Amino acid sequence: MGEFARLDPLLHSELRLAVMSTLLSLEEADFVYLREATGATAGNLSVQIEKLCNAGYITVEKGFAGRKPRTVCRITAAGAEAMATYVEALKSYIGIK
C-alpha cells in the first residue's frame, strides 16, 4: 500500500468544506445564502469565511443592497485548485483513480 496524499487541513473542516463546495458550483454566494445552505451560525460562518479568505481560497466583498449590508463570497483560482487537490487526495484514500 502506498503513502496517502496529504489532506489540506484548512479544507478538512466540515463547514469550510461546505462553503468551498457551495462556491465551486456558484459564481458567487452571499453570507445569508451560505448560512442557510450550511446550517451554520452567523458567528461560526463568519470565522470560517475569514480563514478561507486569509488563505486566498475565497474573496469577500462587503457592500450594501439598498440599506442592508451584504457580504458576497467568491472562490478564487487558488481555492478551486486547492479543492481539486483535496478531492484527488480523498480519492487516494479510497482507491479511486
C-alpha atoms as a PDB file:
ATOM      1  CA  MET A   1       0.000   0.000   0.000  1.00  0.00           C
ATOM      2  CA  GLY A   2       1.360   3.419  -0.987  1.00  0.00           C
ATOM      3  CA  GLU A   3       1.539   6.591   1.002  1.00  0.00           C
ATOM      4  CA  PHE A   4      -1.660   8.612   1.325  1.00  0.00           C
ATOM      5  CA  ALA A   5      -1.795  12.102  -0.098  1.00  0.00           C
ATOM      6  CA  ARG A   6      -1.859  14.904   2.469  1.00  0.00           C
ATOM      7  CA  LEU A   7      -5.287  16.424   3.132  1.00  0.00           C
ATOM      8  CA  ASP A   8      -5.362  20.217   3.311  1.00  0.00           C
ATOM      9  CA  PRO A   9      -6.188  20.890   6.987  1.00  0.00           C
ATOM     10  CA  LEU A  10      -7.940  24.126   6.039  1.00  0.00           C
ATOM     11  CA  LEU A  11     -10.380  22.249   3.830  1.00  0.00           C
ATOM     12  CA  HIS A  12     -10.658  19.280   6.164  1.00  0.00           C
ATOM     13  CA  SER A  13     -13.323  21.019   8.220  1.00  0.00           C
ATOM     14  CA  GLU A  14     -16.979  20.265   7.617  1.00  0.00           C
ATOM     15  CA  LEU A  15     -18.103  23.890   7.457  1.00  0.00           C
ATOM     16  CA  ARG A  16     -15.185  25.211   5.387  1.00  0.00           C
ATOM     17  CA  LEU A  17     -15.572  22.267   3.007  1.00  0.00           C
ATOM     18  CA  ALA A  18     -19.302  23.017   2.695  1.00  0.00           C
ATOM     19  CA  VAL A  19     -18.604  26.684   1.933  1.00  0.00           C
ATOM     20  CA  MET A  20     -15.990  25.810  -0.679  1.00  0.00           C
ATOM     21  CA  SER A  21     -18.184  23.139  -2.279  1.00  0.00           C
ATOM     22  CA  THR A  22     -21.079  25.585  -2.499  1.00  0.00           C
ATOM     23  CA  LEU A  23     -18.911  28.283  -4.046  1.00  0.00           C
ATOM     24  CA  LEU A  24     -17.499  25.836  -6.595  1.00  0.00           C
ATOM     25  CA  SER A  25     -20.944  25.375  -8.075  1.00  0.00           C
ATOM     26  CA  LEU A  26     -21.958  29.051  -7.970  1.00  0.00           C
ATOM     27  CA  GLU A  27     -20.387  32.184  -9.373  1.00  0.00           C
ATOM     28  CA  GLU A  28     -20.923  33.847  -6.006  1.00  0.00           C
ATOM     29  CA  ALA A  29     -22.934  33.440  -2.829  1.00  0.00           C
ATOM     30  CA  ASP A  30     -23.891  35.935  -0.190  1.00  0.00           C
ATOM     31  CA  PHE A  31     -23.491  35.372   3.520  1.00  0.00           C
ATOM     32  CA  VAL A  32     -27.190  34.718   4.114  1.00  0.00           C
ATOM     33  CA  TYR A  33     -27.291  32.058   1.396  1.00  0.00           C
ATOM     34  CA  LEU A  34     -24.183  30.342   2.782  1.00  0.00           C
ATOM     35  CA  ARG A  35     -25.566  30.431   6.322  1.00  0.00           C
ATOM     36  CA  GLU A  36     -28.830  28.845   5.196  1.00  0.00           C
ATOM     37  CA  ALA A  37     -27.118  26.309   2.904  1.00  0.00           C
ATOM     38  CA  THR A  38     -24.702  25.147   5.600  1.00  0.00           C
ATOM     39  CA  GLY A  39     -26.940  25.494   8.653  1.00  0.00           C
ATOM     40  CA  ALA A  40     -24.112  27.293  10.440  1.00  0.00           C
ATOM     41  CA  THR A  41     -24.490  30.048  12.980  1.00  0.00           C
ATOM     42  CA  ALA A  42     -23.596  33.511  11.741  1.00  0.00           C
ATOM     43  CA  GLY A  43     -20.655  33.748  14.144  1.00  0.00           C
ATOM     44  CA  ASN A  44     -19.127  30.409  13.183  1.00  0.00           C
ATOM     45  CA  LEU A  45     -19.637  31.020   9.466  1.00  0.00           C
ATOM     46  CA  SER A  46     -18.016  34.437   9.750  1.00  0.00           C
ATOM     47  CA  VAL A  47     -14.913  32.941  11.396  1.00  0.00           C
ATOM     48  CA  GLN A  48     -14.618  30.183   8.773  1.00  0.00           C
ATOM     49  CA  ILE A  49     -15.091  32.623   5.874  1.00  0.00           C
ATOM     50  CA  GLU A  50     -12.310  34.778   7.312  1.00  0.00           C
ATOM     51  CA  LYS A  51      -9.976  31.748   7.452  1.00  0.00           C
ATOM     52  CA  LEU A  52     -10.722  30.868   3.826  1.00  0.00           C
ATOM     53  CA  CYS A  53     -10.245  34.479   2.780  1.00  0.00           C
ATOM     54  CA  ASN A  54      -6.921  34.773   4.643  1.00  0.00           C
ATOM     55  CA  ALA A  55      -5.723  31.618   2.858  1.00  0.00           C
ATOM     56  CA  GLY A  56      -6.588  33.171  -0.512  1.00  0.00           C
ATOM     57  CA  TYR A  57      -9.208  30.497  -1.257  1.00  0.00           C
ATOM     58  CA  ILE A  58     -12.108  32.950  -1.477  1.00  0.00           C
ATOM     59  CA  THR A  59     -12.653  36.670  -1.869  1.00  0.00           C
ATOM     60  CA  VAL A  60     -15.081  38.583   0.310  1.00  0.00           C
ATOM     61  CA  GLU A  61     -16.766  41.755  -0.833  1.00  0.00           C
ATOM     62  CA  LYS A  62     -18.757  43.791   1.661  1.00  0.00           C
ATOM     63  CA  GLY A  63     -21.289  46.280   0.455  1.00  0.00           C
ATOM     64  CA  PHE A  64     -24.934  47.187   0.635  1.00  0.00           C
ATOM     65  CA  ALA A  65     -28.104  46.028  -1.088  1.00  0.00           C
ATOM     66  CA  GLY A  66     -30.220  49.087  -0.577  1.00  0.00           C
ATOM     67  CA  ARG A  67     -29.753  49.878   3.090  1.00  0.00           C
ATOM     68  CA  LYS A  68     -28.937  46.333   4.163  1.00  0.00           C
ATOM     69  CA  PRO A  69     -25.323  45.200   4.489  1.00  0.00           C
ATOM     70  CA  ARG A  70     -24.404  42.407   2.077  1.00  0.00           C
ATOM     71  CA  THR A  71     -21.333  40.175   2.112  1.00  0.00           C
ATOM     72  CA  VAL A  72     -20.586  38.299  -1.107  1.00  0.00           C
ATOM     73  CA  CYS A  73     -18.088  35.439  -1.355  1.00  0.00           C
ATOM     74  CA  ARG A  74     -16.424  34.088  -4.480  1.00  0.00           C
ATOM     75  CA  ILE A  75     -13.991  31.208  -4.880  1.00  0.00           C
ATOM     76  CA  THR A  76     -10.564  32.120  -6.261  1.00  0.00           C
ATOM     77  CA  ALA A  77      -8.476  30.182  -8.767  1.00  0.00           C
ATOM     78  CA  ALA A  78      -6.243  29.134  -5.854  1.00  0.00           C
ATOM     79  CA  GLY A  79      -9.327  27.962  -3.952  1.00  0.00           C
ATOM     80  CA  ALA A  80     -10.604  25.935  -6.904  1.00  0.00           C
ATOM     81  CA  GLU A  81      -7.166  24.367  -7.310  1.00  0.00           C
ATOM     82  CA  ALA A  82      -6.989  23.564  -3.586  1.00  0.00           C
ATOM     83  CA  MET A  83     -10.389  21.870  -3.807  1.00  0.00           C
ATOM     84  CA  ALA A  84      -9.313  19.811  -6.829  1.00  0.00           C
ATOM     85  CA  THR A  85      -6.164  18.726  -4.983  1.00  0.00           C
ATOM     86  CA  TYR A  86      -8.222  17.891  -1.896  1.00  0.00           C
ATOM     87  CA  VAL A  87     -10.619  15.730  -3.909  1.00  0.00           C
ATOM     88  CA  GLU A  88      -7.715  13.900  -5.557  1.00  0.00           C
ATOM     89  CA  ALA A  89      -6.199  13.267  -2.119  1.00  0.00           C
ATOM     90  CA  LEU A  90      -9.506  11.850  -0.888  1.00  0.00           C
ATOM     91  CA  LYS A  91      -9.632   9.571  -3.911  1.00  0.00           C
ATOM     92  CA  SER A  92      -6.246   8.144  -2.921  1.00  0.00           C
ATOM     93  CA  TYR A  93      -7.672   7.217   0.474  1.00  0.00           C
ATOM     94  CA  ILE A  94     -10.495   5.185  -1.018  1.00  0.00           C
ATOM     95  CA  GLY A  95      -8.622   3.825  -4.016  1.00  0.00           C
ATOM     96  CA  ILE A  96     -10.344   5.765  -6.803  1.00  0.00           C
ATOM     97  CA  LYS A  97      -8.166   6.839  -9.714  1.00  0.00           C
END
